Amino acid sequence: MSFALESVIPWGRSEAEYRAMFSLAESDTKLRILGCGDGPDAFNGDWSRSG
């Protein structure tokens, strides 16, 4: 089976979507979160850099 790379559409979620999806409270922003298989999403890295 073969496919064209042009047919692959990566996507990610916003911080608000992750907060809602995982019921993250403001206090959770002080914790370290392990991202496994984050894909094209940069949320974990962005959140870590923001402190």
Protein backbone atom coordinates (compact mmCIF):
# COMPACT_ATOMS: atom_id res chain seq x y z
CA MET A 1 0.00 0.00 0.00
CA SER A 2 1.31 3.45 -0.82
CA PHE A 3 0.03 6.94 -0.24
CA ALA A 4 1.05 10.45 -1.12
CA LEU A 5 2.45 12.56 1.69
CA GLU A 6 0.23 15.36 0.43
CA SER A 7 -2.78 13.35 1.62
CA VAL A 8 -1.57 13.37 5.25
CA ILE A 9 -2.99 16.24 7.28
CA PRO A 10 -1.35 16.84 10.70
CA TRP A 11 -3.26 18.73 13.35
CA GLY A 12 -2.86 19.74 16.95
CA ARG A 13 -4.96 21.18 19.73
CA SER A 14 -4.89 24.48 21.54
CA GLU A 15 -4.11 25.01 25.21
CA ALA A 16 -7.80 25.63 25.89
CA GLU A 17 -8.72 22.33 24.22
CA TYR A 18 -6.19 20.41 26.32
CA ARG A 19 -7.31 22.11 29.53
CA ALA A 20 -10.89 21.06 28.78
CA MET A 21 -9.99 17.57 27.54
CA PHE A 22 -7.96 16.68 30.65
CA SER A 23 -9.82 18.90 33.14
CA LEU A 24 -6.61 20.79 33.92
CA ALA A 25 -6.87 23.32 36.73
CA GLU A 26 -4.70 26.41 37.06
CA SER A 27 -2.71 24.57 39.76
CA ASP A 28 -1.85 21.88 37.18
CA THR A 29 0.17 24.45 35.25
CA LYS A 30 2.81 24.23 37.99
CA LEU A 31 3.26 20.48 37.48
CA ARG A 32 5.54 18.69 35.06
CA ILE A 33 3.62 16.85 32.35
CA LEU A 34 5.13 14.06 30.29
CA GLY A 35 4.10 14.28 26.65
CA CYS A 36 4.11 10.96 24.81
CA GLY A 37 3.26 10.92 21.14
CA ASP A 38 2.52 14.64 21.05
CA GLY A 39 2.60 14.57 17.26
CA PRO A 40 2.67 17.91 15.45
CA ASP A 41 1.31 19.69 18.50
CA ALA A 42 3.71 22.04 20.29
CA PHE A 43 1.46 22.61 23.30
CA ASN A 44 3.62 20.76 25.83
CA GLY A 45 6.81 22.55 24.79
CA ASP A 46 5.10 25.94 24.61
CA TRP A 47 3.50 25.48 28.03
CA SER A 48 6.83 24.37 29.54
CA ARG A 49 8.68 27.39 28.11
CA SER A 50 6.02 29.77 29.38
CA GLY A 51 6.76 28.67 32.93
